[in-house]
């Protein structure tokens, strides 16, 4: 596994890379890093693929603009075009998780000709909201605590999370996993509560899918960078919504595989989104729900995710 930094245009991206062969670009979400794909990189390399996992814009060793507007599609897509160009890769399969999945859903439309296929984890394709996302988040937050709303105001979440990165990361990894029911935090009101007030206490490490040393790497990274870059993906929601009023979503027709844990709170809240997704993603060829896994499915169910990922890639490439 090789770590290096690439000039991709407006910002530099720190990238983990392993293997040779057809390119597979893995895009993480919040609170993640290229390191979040540590179990997939060697498996892909062993299977004959070139695995490429950047720290996404705002994270780790990559550029971290402070303006939320710099996290709209114009900028985040340009990062990935610049990444392929810097690596002299014409097209790739893109794998997305969390906010990385939200971005990857848009790539066939926003960078045509560069996307061979998609493997999407945890976040189904969904239609655009009819109102500004920040307005929708505020409405929901009148009923219960909602991180989407809490993260909107610059500086508020940072004042809590930047000074307690270990506690936050351990708690949020646990709360979103298959070991806890994340929606229980909705019993708390928004008023007067921060994220650490509503997140559950987490068991001591190690867990079956996360060691103390692995958590340390996340903690050390976010202690050095703060969380603003990652939070700006949430704060860009209105900017992205406005972009899409001018450039509405188109159906995703490239070959697509969707994988999620059946205990992922995103899937529980989304309800029937998998069926709805089929109309938005005509290229959807496979849907896999992994029993017992939560939101961080690529870590919680690494062996099953790796098998499904490589099987899909082998079929796609005629192997």
C-alpha atoms as a PDB file:
ATOM      1  CA  UNK A   1       0.000   0.000   0.000  1.00  0.00           C
ATOM      2  CA  UNK A   2       1.497   3.320  -1.085  1.00  0.00           C
ATOM      3  CA  UNK A   3       0.576   6.755   0.251  1.00  0.00           C
ATOM      4  CA  UNK A   4       1.266   9.773  -1.927  1.00  0.00           C
ATOM      5  CA  UNK A   5      -0.103  13.235  -2.647  1.00  0.00           C
ATOM      6  CA  UNK A   6      -1.384  14.301  -6.052  1.00  0.00           C
ATOM      7  CA  UNK A   7      -2.012  17.760  -7.500  1.00  0.00           C
ATOM      8  CA  UNK A   8      -5.543  17.417  -8.873  1.00  0.00           C
ATOM      9  CA  UNK A   9      -6.338  21.013  -9.723  1.00  0.00           C
ATOM     10  CA  UNK A  10      -7.635  23.408  -7.100  1.00  0.00           C
ATOM     11  CA  UNK A  11      -6.452  21.211  -4.227  1.00  0.00           C
ATOM     12  CA  UNK A  12      -4.090  18.310  -3.584  1.00  0.00           C
ATOM     13  CA  UNK A  13      -5.428  14.886  -2.629  1.00  0.00           C
ATOM     14  CA  UNK A  14      -3.620  12.415  -0.401  1.00  0.00           C
ATOM     15  CA  UNK A  15      -4.147   8.951  -1.850  1.00  0.00           C
ATOM     16  CA  UNK A  16      -3.632   5.373  -0.718  1.00  0.00           C
ATOM     17  CA  UNK A  17      -2.979   3.088  -3.659  1.00  0.00           C
ATOM     18  CA  UNK A  18      -2.352  -0.625  -4.060  1.00  0.00           C
ATOM     19  CA  UNK A  19      -2.213  -3.057  -6.969  1.00  0.00           C
ATOM     20  CA  UNK A  20      -2.249  -2.889 -10.762  1.00  0.00           C
ATOM     21  CA  UNK A  21      -4.977  -3.486 -13.306  1.00  0.00           C
ATOM     22  CA  UNK A  22      -8.360  -1.852 -13.965  1.00  0.00           C
ATOM     23  CA  UNK A  23      -8.828   1.167 -11.695  1.00  0.00           C
ATOM     24  CA  UNK A  24     -11.207   1.175  -8.731  1.00  0.00           C
ATOM     25  CA  UNK A  25     -11.599   4.501  -6.884  1.00  0.00           C
ATOM     26  CA  UNK A  26     -12.998   4.294  -3.344  1.00  0.00           C
ATOM     27  CA  UNK A  27     -14.682   7.407  -1.921  1.00  0.00           C
ATOM     28  CA  UNK A  28     -15.304   7.605   1.833  1.00  0.00           C
ATOM     29  CA  UNK A  29     -17.782   9.684   3.815  1.00  0.00           C
ATOM     30  CA  UNK A  30     -18.071  11.192   7.312  1.00  0.00           C
ATOM     31  CA  UNK A  31     -16.133  10.702   9.530  1.00  0.00           C
ATOM     32  CA  UNK A  32     -13.778   8.792   7.306  1.00  0.00           C
ATOM     33  CA  UNK A  33     -10.450   8.736   5.512  1.00  0.00           C
ATOM     34  CA  UNK A  34      -8.884   6.850   2.652  1.00  0.00           C
ATOM     35  CA  UNK A  35      -7.836   4.525   5.493  1.00  0.00           C
ATOM     36  CA  UNK A  36     -11.509   3.545   5.869  1.00  0.00           C
ATOM     37  CA  UNK A  37     -10.909   1.248   2.857  1.00  0.00           C
ATOM     38  CA  UNK A  38      -7.914  -0.511   4.475  1.00  0.00           C
ATOM     39  CA  UNK A  39      -9.619  -3.906   4.168  1.00  0.00           C
ATOM     40  CA  UNK A  40     -10.629  -3.411   0.538  1.00  0.00           C
ATOM     41  CA  UNK A  41      -7.304  -2.111  -0.848  1.00  0.00           C
ATOM     42  CA  UNK A  42      -5.267  -5.331  -0.417  1.00  0.00           C
ATOM     43  CA  UNK A  43      -8.199  -7.547  -1.415  1.00  0.00           C
ATOM     44  CA  UNK A  44      -8.678  -5.600  -4.648  1.00  0.00           C
ATOM     45  CA  UNK A  45      -4.958  -5.655  -5.359  1.00  0.00           C
ATOM     46  CA  UNK A  46      -4.826  -9.416  -4.819  1.00  0.00           C
ATOM     47  CA  UNK A  47      -7.743  -9.791  -7.259  1.00  0.00           C
ATOM     48  CA  UNK A  48      -5.889  -7.906  -9.993  1.00  0.00           C
ATOM     49  CA  UNK A  49      -7.214  -4.367  -9.605  1.00  0.00           C
ATOM     50  CA  UNK A  50      -5.621  -0.971  -9.021  1.00  0.00           C
ATOM     51  CA  UNK A  51      -7.274   0.255  -5.818  1.00  0.00           C
ATOM     52  CA  UNK A  52      -7.191   4.025  -5.240  1.00  0.00           C
ATOM     53  CA  UNK A  53      -8.530   5.534  -1.996  1.00  0.00           C
ATOM     54  CA  UNK A  54      -8.172   9.308  -1.563  1.00  0.00           C
ATOM     55  CA  UNK A  55      -8.709  11.312   1.562  1.00  0.00           C
ATOM     56  CA  UNK A  56     -11.657  13.218   0.155  1.00  0.00           C
ATOM     57  CA  UNK A  57     -11.687  17.019  -0.003  1.00  0.00           C
ATOM     58  CA  UNK A  58     -11.771  18.345   3.574  1.00  0.00           C
ATOM     59  CA  UNK A  59     -10.170  15.308   5.180  1.00  0.00           C
ATOM     60  CA  UNK A  60      -6.794  14.105   6.378  1.00  0.00           C
ATOM     61  CA  UNK A  61      -3.870  14.959   4.137  1.00  0.00           C
ATOM     62  CA  UNK A  62      -5.998  16.458   1.351  1.00  0.00           C
ATOM     63  CA  UNK A  63      -6.849  20.119   0.832  1.00  0.00           C
ATOM     64  CA  UNK A  64      -9.449  21.430   3.288  1.00  0.00           C
ATOM     65  CA  UNK A  65     -11.186  24.601   2.043  1.00  0.00           C
ATOM     66  CA  UNK A  66     -13.064  26.459   4.777  1.00  0.00           C
ATOM     67  CA  UNK A  67     -15.930  27.724   2.605  1.00  0.00           C
ATOM     68  CA  UNK A  68     -18.848  25.233   2.444  1.00  0.00           C
ATOM     69  CA  UNK A  69     -19.561  26.363  -1.117  1.00  0.00           C
ATOM     70  CA  UNK A  70     -16.260  24.717  -2.095  1.00  0.00           C
ATOM     71  CA  UNK A  71     -17.874  21.323  -1.433  1.00  0.00           C
ATOM     72  CA  UNK A  72     -20.553  21.522  -4.105  1.00  0.00           C
ATOM     73  CA  UNK A  73     -20.612  19.171  -7.099  1.00  0.00           C
ATOM     74  CA  UNK A  74     -18.605  21.478  -9.321  1.00  0.00           C
ATOM     75  CA  UNK A  75     -15.678  21.199  -6.920  1.00  0.00           C
ATOM     76  CA  UNK A  76     -16.009  17.625  -5.659  1.00  0.00           C
ATOM     77  CA  UNK A  77     -16.412  16.185  -9.163  1.00  0.00           C
ATOM     78  CA  UNK A  78     -13.432  18.230 -10.362  1.00  0.00           C
ATOM     79  CA  UNK A  79     -11.337  16.550  -7.647  1.00  0.00           C
ATOM     80  CA  UNK A  80     -12.087  13.110  -9.072  1.00  0.00           C
ATOM     81  CA  UNK A  81     -11.557  14.159 -12.678  1.00  0.00           C
ATOM     82  CA  UNK A  82      -8.227  15.621 -11.568  1.00  0.00           C
ATOM     83  CA  UNK A  83      -7.415  12.416  -9.699  1.00  0.00           C
ATOM     84  CA  UNK A  84      -7.962  10.258 -12.798  1.00  0.00           C
ATOM     85  CA  UNK A  85      -5.981  12.685 -14.949  1.00  0.00           C
ATOM     86  CA  UNK A  86      -3.071  12.790 -12.483  1.00  0.00           C
ATOM     87  CA  UNK A  87      -2.957   8.985 -12.435  1.00  0.00           C
ATOM     88  CA  UNK A  88      -3.386   8.775 -16.227  1.00  0.00           C
ATOM     89  CA  UNK A  89      -6.534   6.673 -15.806  1.00  0.00           C
ATOM     90  CA  UNK A  90      -9.171   7.033 -18.521  1.00  0.00           C
ATOM     91  CA  UNK A  91     -12.047   5.351 -16.695  1.00  0.00           C
ATOM     92  CA  UNK A  92     -12.657   3.649 -13.364  1.00  0.00           C
ATOM     93  CA  UNK A  93     -15.227   1.871 -11.296  1.00  0.00           C
ATOM     94  CA  UNK A  94     -16.195   4.137  -8.405  1.00  0.00           C
ATOM     95  CA  UNK A  95     -17.071   2.798  -4.965  1.00  0.00           C
ATOM     96  CA  UNK A  96     -18.847   5.163  -2.581  1.00  0.00           C
ATOM     97  CA  UNK A  97     -19.857   5.146   1.071  1.00  0.00           C
ATOM     98  CA  UNK A  98     -21.916   7.741   2.984  1.00  0.00           C
ATOM     99  CA  UNK A  99     -21.203  11.194   1.477  1.00  0.00           C
ATOM    100  CA  UNK A 100     -18.835   9.445  -0.901  1.00  0.00           C
ATOM    101  CA  UNK A 101     -21.823   7.461  -2.174  1.00  0.00           C
ATOM    102  CA  UNK A 102     -23.886  10.619  -2.590  1.00  0.00           C
ATOM    103  CA  UNK A 103     -21.116  12.040  -4.770  1.00  0.00           C
ATOM    104  CA  UNK A 104     -20.557   8.813  -6.707  1.00  0.00           C
ATOM    105  CA  UNK A 105     -24.255   8.609  -7.640  1.00  0.00           C
ATOM    106  CA  UNK A 106     -23.737  11.837  -9.606  1.00  0.00           C
ATOM    107  CA  UNK A 107     -20.530  10.896 -11.403  1.00  0.00           C
ATOM    108  CA  UNK A 108     -21.996   9.206 -14.510  1.00  0.00           C
ATOM    109  CA  UNK A 109     -23.877  12.427 -15.263  1.00  0.00           C
ATOM    110  CA  UNK A 110     -21.183  14.887 -14.220  1.00  0.00           C
ATOM    111  CA  UNK A 111     -18.127  13.142 -15.704  1.00  0.00           C
ATOM    112  CA  UNK A 112     -19.440  11.021 -18.599  1.00  0.00           C
ATOM    113  CA  UNK A 113     -17.013   8.652 -20.237  1.00  0.00           C
ATOM    114  CA  UNK A 114     -14.890   8.267 -17.108  1.00  0.00           C
ATOM    115  CA  UNK A 115     -17.172   5.911 -15.128  1.00  0.00           C
ATOM    116  CA  UNK A 116     -17.148   2.179 -15.938  1.00  0.00           C
ATOM    117  CA  UNK A 117     -19.552   1.220 -13.143  1.00  0.00           C
ATOM    118  CA  UNK A 118     -20.590   1.888  -9.551  1.00  0.00           C
ATOM    119  CA  UNK A 119     -20.512  -0.038  -6.290  1.00  0.00           C
ATOM    120  CA  UNK A 120     -22.476   1.904  -3.701  1.00  0.00           C
ATOM    121  CA  UNK A 121     -22.481   1.252   0.030  1.00  0.00           C
ATOM    122  CA  UNK A 122     -25.117   2.273   2.563  1.00  0.00           C
ATOM    123  CA  UNK A 123     -26.752   5.258   0.823  1.00  0.00           C
ATOM    124  CA  UNK A 124     -29.501   4.544  -1.757  1.00  0.00           C
ATOM    125  CA  UNK A 125     -30.118   6.893  -4.651  1.00  0.00           C
ATOM    126  CA  UNK A 126     -32.989   9.176  -3.667  1.00  0.00           C
ATOM    127  CA  UNK A 127     -34.915  11.982  -5.393  1.00  0.00           C
ATOM    128  CA  UNK A 128     -34.094  15.584  -4.630  1.00  0.00           C
ATOM    129  CA  UNK A 129     -35.966  17.275  -1.796  1.00  0.00           C
ATOM    130  CA  UNK A 130     -38.628  19.766  -2.925  1.00  0.00           C
ATOM    131  CA  UNK A 131     -37.254  22.440  -0.559  1.00  0.00           C
ATOM    132  CA  UNK A 132     -33.789  23.529   0.561  1.00  0.00           C
ATOM    133  CA  UNK A 133     -32.207  20.745   2.630  1.00  0.00           C
ATOM    134  CA  UNK A 134     -31.447  23.105   5.500  1.00  0.00           C
ATOM    135  CA  UNK A 135     -35.157  23.927   5.708  1.00  0.00           C
ATOM    136  CA  UNK A 136     -36.092  20.243   5.718  1.00  0.00           C
ATOM    137  CA  UNK A 137     -33.503  19.539   8.429  1.00  0.00           C
ATOM    138  CA  UNK A 138     -34.832  22.391  10.575  1.00  0.00           C
ATOM    139  CA  UNK A 139     -38.398  21.090  10.288  1.00  0.00           C
ATOM    140  CA  UNK A 140     -37.318  17.597  11.363  1.00  0.00           C
ATOM    141  CA  UNK A 141     -35.234  19.022  14.225  1.00  0.00           C
ATOM    142  CA  UNK A 142     -38.370  20.533  15.763  1.00  0.00           C
ATOM    143  CA  UNK A 143     -39.472  16.964  16.477  1.00  0.00           C
ATOM    144  CA  UNK A 144     -36.201  15.399  17.621  1.00  0.00           C
ATOM    145  CA  UNK A 145     -32.433  15.782  17.646  1.00  0.00           C
ATOM    146  CA  UNK A 146     -30.941  15.589  14.160  1.00  0.00           C
ATOM    147  CA  UNK A 147     -27.263  15.699  13.294  1.00  0.00           C
ATOM    148  CA  UNK A 148     -28.035  17.049   9.805  1.00  0.00           C
ATOM    149  CA  UNK A 149     -29.462  20.176  11.415  1.00  0.00           C
ATOM    150  CA  UNK A 150     -26.901  20.397  14.228  1.00  0.00           C
ATOM    151  CA  UNK A 151     -24.025  20.417  11.728  1.00  0.00           C
ATOM    152  CA  UNK A 152     -25.348  23.325   9.641  1.00  0.00           C
ATOM    153  CA  UNK A 153     -24.118  26.305  11.670  1.00  0.00           C
ATOM    154  CA  UNK A 154     -20.343  26.774  11.260  1.00  0.00           C
ATOM    155  CA  UNK A 155     -18.426  26.507  14.501  1.00  0.00           C
ATOM    156  CA  UNK A 156     -21.153  24.914  16.617  1.00  0.00           C
ATOM    157  CA  UNK A 157     -20.260  21.243  16.146  1.00  0.00           C
ATOM    158  CA  UNK A 158     -16.541  22.049  16.029  1.00  0.00           C
ATOM    159  CA  UNK A 159     -16.706  23.623  19.496  1.00  0.00           C
ATOM    160  CA  UNK A 160     -17.871  20.261  20.825  1.00  0.00           C
ATOM    161  CA  UNK A 161     -16.148  17.688  18.620  1.00  0.00           C
ATOM    162  CA  UNK A 162     -12.729  19.199  17.927  1.00  0.00           C
ATOM    163  CA  UNK A 163     -11.833  19.116  21.622  1.00  0.00           C
ATOM    164  CA  UNK A 164     -13.120  15.560  22.187  1.00  0.00           C
ATOM    165  CA  UNK A 165     -12.242  13.687  18.995  1.00  0.00           C
ATOM    166  CA  UNK A 166     -11.643  10.298  20.608  1.00  0.00           C
ATOM    167  CA  UNK A 167     -14.904  10.299  22.510  1.00  0.00           C
ATOM    168  CA  UNK A 168     -16.868  11.427  19.471  1.00  0.00           C
ATOM    169  CA  UNK A 169     -15.329   8.988  17.013  1.00  0.00           C
ATOM    170  CA  UNK A 170     -15.648   5.980  19.297  1.00  0.00           C
ATOM    171  CA  UNK A 171     -19.241   6.829  20.135  1.00  0.00           C
ATOM    172  CA  UNK A 172     -20.365   7.597  16.587  1.00  0.00           C
ATOM    173  CA  UNK A 173     -18.702   4.496  15.140  1.00  0.00           C
ATOM    174  CA  UNK A 174     -20.522   2.411  17.746  1.00  0.00           C
ATOM    175  CA  UNK A 175     -23.872   4.207  17.432  1.00  0.00           C
ATOM    176  CA  UNK A 176     -24.010   3.751  13.662  1.00  0.00           C
ATOM    177  CA  UNK A 177     -22.869   0.127  13.757  1.00  0.00           C
ATOM    178  CA  UNK A 178     -24.994  -2.984  13.798  1.00  0.00           C
ATOM    179  CA  UNK A 179     -24.431  -3.214  17.535  1.00  0.00           C
ATOM    180  CA  UNK A 180     -26.694  -0.271  18.373  1.00  0.00           C
ATOM    181  CA  UNK A 181     -29.989   1.173  17.181  1.00  0.00           C
ATOM    182  CA  UNK A 182     -29.021   4.682  16.109  1.00  0.00           C
ATOM    183  CA  UNK A 183     -32.589   5.909  15.815  1.00  0.00           C
ATOM    184  CA  UNK A 184     -32.827   5.759  19.633  1.00  0.00           C
ATOM    185  CA  UNK A 185     -31.092   9.144  19.714  1.00  0.00           C
ATOM    186  CA  UNK A 186     -34.240  10.623  18.159  1.00  0.00           C
ATOM    187  CA  UNK A 187     -35.815  10.397  21.616  1.00  0.00           C
ATOM    188  CA  UNK A 188     -33.744  13.466  22.544  1.00  0.00           C
ATOM    189  CA  UNK A 189     -34.890  17.016  21.765  1.00  0.00           C
ATOM    190  CA  UNK A 190     -32.724  19.360  19.723  1.00  0.00           C
ATOM    191  CA  UNK A 191     -32.840  22.170  22.256  1.00  0.00           C
ATOM    192  CA  UNK A 192     -29.841  22.221  24.540  1.00  0.00           C
ATOM    193  CA  UNK A 193     -28.203  19.059  23.227  1.00  0.00           C
ATOM    194  CA  UNK A 194     -24.981  18.504  21.349  1.00  0.00           C
ATOM    195  CA  UNK A 195     -23.993  15.288  19.591  1.00  0.00           C
ATOM    196  CA  UNK A 196     -22.140  13.897  22.603  1.00  0.00           C
ATOM    197  CA  UNK A 197     -25.220  14.506  24.748  1.00  0.00           C
ATOM    198  CA  UNK A 198     -27.296  12.132  22.642  1.00  0.00           C
ATOM    199  CA  UNK A 199     -24.775   9.516  21.461  1.00  0.00           C
ATOM    200  CA  UNK A 200     -24.575   6.370  23.589  1.00  0.00           C
ATOM    201  CA  UNK A 201     -21.554   5.321  25.588  1.00  0.00           C
ATOM    202  CA  UNK A 202     -19.452   2.945  23.506  1.00  0.00           C
ATOM    203  CA  UNK A 203     -17.973  -0.371  24.670  1.00  0.00           C
ATOM    204  CA  UNK A 204     -14.252  -0.586  25.245  1.00  0.00           C
ATOM    205  CA  UNK A 205     -12.128  -1.542  22.272  1.00  0.00           C
ATOM    206  CA  UNK A 206     -11.292  -3.807  20.555  1.00  0.00           C
ATOM    207  CA  UNK A 207     -14.524  -4.643  18.747  1.00  0.00           C
ATOM    208  CA  UNK A 208     -14.742  -7.412  16.160  1.00  0.00           C
ATOM    209  CA  UNK A 209     -14.363  -4.819  13.400  1.00  0.00           C
ATOM    210  CA  UNK A 210     -12.314  -2.008  15.000  1.00  0.00           C
ATOM    211  CA  UNK A 211      -9.123  -2.179  17.060  1.00  0.00           C
ATOM    212  CA  UNK A 212      -7.705   0.417  19.428  1.00  0.00           C
ATOM    213  CA  UNK A 213      -4.808   1.035  17.042  1.00  0.00           C
ATOM    214  CA  UNK A 214      -7.197   1.637  14.137  1.00  0.00           C
ATOM    215  CA  UNK A 215      -9.232   4.109  16.165  1.00  0.00           C
ATOM    216  CA  UNK A 216      -5.996   5.838  17.188  1.00  0.00           C
ATOM    217  CA  UNK A 217      -5.226   6.623  13.556  1.00  0.00           C
ATOM    218  CA  UNK A 218      -8.609   8.309  13.104  1.00  0.00           C
ATOM    219  CA  UNK A 219      -8.243  10.184  16.388  1.00  0.00           C
ATOM    220  CA  UNK A 220      -4.740  11.410  15.614  1.00  0.00           C
ATOM    221  CA  UNK A 221      -5.802  12.585  12.159  1.00  0.00           C
ATOM    222  CA  UNK A 222      -8.916  14.459  13.258  1.00  0.00           C
ATOM    223  CA  UNK A 223      -7.134  15.891  16.298  1.00  0.00           C
ATOM    224  CA  UNK A 224      -4.663  17.438  13.852  1.00  0.00           C
ATOM    225  CA  UNK A 225      -7.165  18.641  11.217  1.00  0.00           C
ATOM    226  CA  UNK A 226     -10.391  19.236  13.154  1.00  0.00           C
ATOM    227  CA  UNK A 227     -13.780  18.258  11.744  1.00  0.00           C
ATOM    228  CA  UNK A 228     -14.622  21.384   9.718  1.00  0.00           C
ATOM    229  CA  UNK A 229     -13.720  19.869   6.349  1.00  0.00           C
ATOM    230  CA  UNK A 230     -15.965  16.867   6.881  1.00  0.00           C
ATOM    231  CA  UNK A 231     -18.771  19.000   8.293  1.00  0.00           C
ATOM    232  CA  UNK A 232     -18.621  21.215   5.220  1.00  0.00           C
ATOM    233  CA  UNK A 233     -20.043  18.339   3.160  1.00  0.00           C
ATOM    234  CA  UNK A 234     -23.220  18.764   5.248  1.00  0.00           C
ATOM    235  CA  UNK A 235     -23.083  22.563   4.978  1.00  0.00           C
ATOM    236  CA  UNK A 236     -22.830  22.337   1.190  1.00  0.00           C
ATOM    237  CA  UNK A 237     -26.271  20.698   0.957  1.00  0.00           C
ATOM    238  CA  UNK A 238     -28.066  23.901  -0.038  1.00  0.00           C
ATOM    239  CA  UNK A 239     -25.362  24.787  -2.577  1.00  0.00           C
ATOM    240  CA  UNK A 240     -25.706  21.343  -4.130  1.00  0.00           C
ATOM    241  CA  UNK A 241     -29.508  21.585  -4.149  1.00  0.00           C
ATOM    242  CA  UNK A 242     -29.308  24.873  -6.070  1.00  0.00           C
ATOM    243  CA  UNK A 243     -26.858  23.367  -8.569  1.00  0.00           C
ATOM    244  CA  UNK A 244     -29.313  20.584  -9.227  1.00  0.00           C
ATOM    245  CA  UNK A 245     -32.162  22.971  -9.918  1.00  0.00           C
ATOM    246  CA  UNK A 246     -30.115  24.023 -12.947  1.00  0.00           C
ATOM    247  CA  UNK A 247     -28.857  20.516 -13.678  1.00  0.00           C
ATOM    248  CA  UNK A 248     -31.451  17.985 -12.477  1.00  0.00           C
ATOM    249  CA  UNK A 249     -30.457  14.415 -11.720  1.00  0.00           C
ATOM    250  CA  UNK A 250     -30.534  11.974 -14.630  1.00  0.00           C
ATOM    251  CA  UNK A 251     -31.105   8.206 -14.352  1.00  0.00           C
ATOM    252  CA  UNK A 252     -27.976   6.189 -13.561  1.00  0.00           C
ATOM    253  CA  UNK A 253     -27.578   3.678 -16.389  1.00  0.00           C
ATOM    254  CA  UNK A 254     -24.034   2.363 -15.827  1.00  0.00           C
ATOM    255  CA  UNK A 255     -23.796  -1.110 -14.222  1.00  0.00           C
ATOM    256  CA  UNK A 256     -24.364  -0.687 -10.490  1.00  0.00           C
ATOM    257  CA  UNK A 257     -24.141  -2.840  -7.369  1.00  0.00           C
ATOM    258  CA  UNK A 258     -25.655  -1.688  -4.056  1.00  0.00           C
ATOM    259  CA  UNK A 259     -24.525  -3.088  -0.681  1.00  0.00           C
ATOM    260  CA  UNK A 260     -25.742  -2.174   2.803  1.00  0.00           C
ATOM    261  CA  UNK A 261     -26.066  -3.606   6.272  1.00  0.00           C
ATOM    262  CA  UNK A 262     -29.601  -4.574   7.219  1.00  0.00           C
ATOM    263  CA  UNK A 263     -29.104  -2.713  10.533  1.00  0.00           C
ATOM    264  CA  UNK A 264     -27.859   0.467   8.878  1.00  0.00           C
ATOM    265  CA  UNK A 265     -29.934   3.375  10.236  1.00  0.00           C
ATOM    266  CA  UNK A 266     -29.803   5.015   6.809  1.00  0.00           C
ATOM    267  CA  UNK A 267     -31.680   2.036   5.421  1.00  0.00           C
ATOM    268  CA  UNK A 268     -34.124   2.024   8.337  1.00  0.00           C
ATOM    269  CA  UNK A 269     -34.948   5.700   7.893  1.00  0.00           C
ATOM    270  CA  UNK A 270     -35.017   5.402   4.091  1.00  0.00           C
ATOM    271  CA  UNK A 271     -37.725   2.747   4.294  1.00  0.00           C
ATOM    272  CA  UNK A 272     -38.692   1.735   0.765  1.00  0.00           C
ATOM    273  CA  UNK A 273     -35.800   3.579  -0.880  1.00  0.00           C
ATOM    274  CA  UNK A 274     -34.306   0.428  -2.399  1.00  0.00           C
ATOM    275  CA  UNK A 275     -37.437  -0.104  -4.491  1.00  0.00           C
ATOM    276  CA  UNK A 276     -37.635   3.603  -5.291  1.00  0.00           C
ATOM    277  CA  UNK A 277     -33.973   3.489  -6.258  1.00  0.00           C
ATOM    278  CA  UNK A 278     -34.693   0.999  -9.032  1.00  0.00           C
ATOM    279  CA  UNK A 279     -36.595   3.686 -10.957  1.00  0.00           C
ATOM    280  CA  UNK A 280     -33.763   6.176 -10.473  1.00  0.00           C
ATOM    281  CA  UNK A 281     -31.000   3.685 -11.287  1.00  0.00           C
ATOM    282  CA  UNK A 282     -31.940   1.628 -14.381  1.00  0.00           C
ATOM    283  CA  UNK A 283     -28.406   0.222 -14.295  1.00  0.00           C
ATOM    284  CA  UNK A 284     -28.934  -1.363 -10.876  1.00  0.00           C
ATOM    285  CA  UNK A 285     -27.933  -5.003 -11.301  1.00  0.00           C
ATOM    286  CA  UNK A 286     -27.421  -6.189  -7.728  1.00  0.00           C
ATOM    287  CA  UNK A 287     -28.745  -5.332  -4.253  1.00  0.00           C
ATOM    288  CA  UNK A 288     -27.229  -6.989  -1.182  1.00  0.00           C
ATOM    289  CA  UNK A 289     -28.312  -6.431   2.436  1.00  0.00           C
ATOM    290  CA  UNK A 290     -25.828  -7.978   4.848  1.00  0.00           C
ATOM    291  CA  UNK A 291     -27.421  -9.361   8.053  1.00  0.00           C
ATOM    292  CA  UNK A 292     -26.258  -7.777  11.301  1.00  0.00           C
ATOM    293  CA  UNK A 293     -24.131  -5.053   9.726  1.00  0.00           C
ATOM    294  CA  UNK A 294     -24.655  -1.356  10.301  1.00  0.00           C
ATOM    295  CA  UNK A 295     -23.520   1.779   8.517  1.00  0.00           C
ATOM    296  CA  UNK A 296     -19.775   1.051   8.286  1.00  0.00           C
ATOM    297  CA  UNK A 297     -20.403  -2.103   6.312  1.00  0.00           C
ATOM    298  CA  UNK A 298     -16.999  -2.138   4.590  1.00  0.00           C
ATOM    299  CA  UNK A 299     -15.401  -2.500   8.031  1.00  0.00           C
ATOM    300  CA  UNK A 300     -18.105  -4.434   9.895  1.00  0.00           C
ATOM    301  CA  UNK A 301     -18.544  -7.080   7.175  1.00  0.00           C
ATOM    302  CA  UNK A 302     -15.250  -6.746   5.347  1.00  0.00           C
ATOM    303  CA  UNK A 303     -15.045 -10.298   3.979  1.00  0.00           C
ATOM    304  CA  UNK A 304     -18.577 -10.276   2.569  1.00  0.00           C
ATOM    305  CA  UNK A 305     -18.190  -6.787   1.098  1.00  0.00           C
ATOM    306  CA  UNK A 306     -14.881  -7.759  -0.497  1.00  0.00           C
ATOM    307  CA  UNK A 307     -16.410 -10.884  -2.025  1.00  0.00           C
ATOM    308  CA  UNK A 308     -19.408  -9.014  -3.438  1.00  0.00           C
ATOM    309  CA  UNK A 309     -17.225  -6.169  -4.692  1.00  0.00           C
ATOM    310  CA  UNK A 310     -14.747  -8.412  -6.466  1.00  0.00           C
ATOM    311  CA  UNK A 311     -17.452 -10.664  -7.928  1.00  0.00           C
ATOM    312  CA  UNK A 312     -19.169  -7.599  -9.412  1.00  0.00           C
ATOM    313  CA  UNK A 313     -15.896  -6.226 -10.777  1.00  0.00           C
ATOM    314  CA  UNK A 314     -14.956  -9.582 -12.303  1.00  0.00           C
ATOM    315  CA  UNK A 315     -18.334  -9.843 -14.044  1.00  0.00           C
ATOM    316  CA  UNK A 316     -18.029  -6.255 -15.262  1.00  0.00           C
ATOM    317  CA  UNK A 317     -14.584  -6.885 -16.714  1.00  0.00           C
ATOM    318  CA  UNK A 318     -15.457 -10.289 -18.162  1.00  0.00           C
ATOM    319  CA  UNK A 319     -13.125 -12.236 -15.915  1.00  0.00           C
END
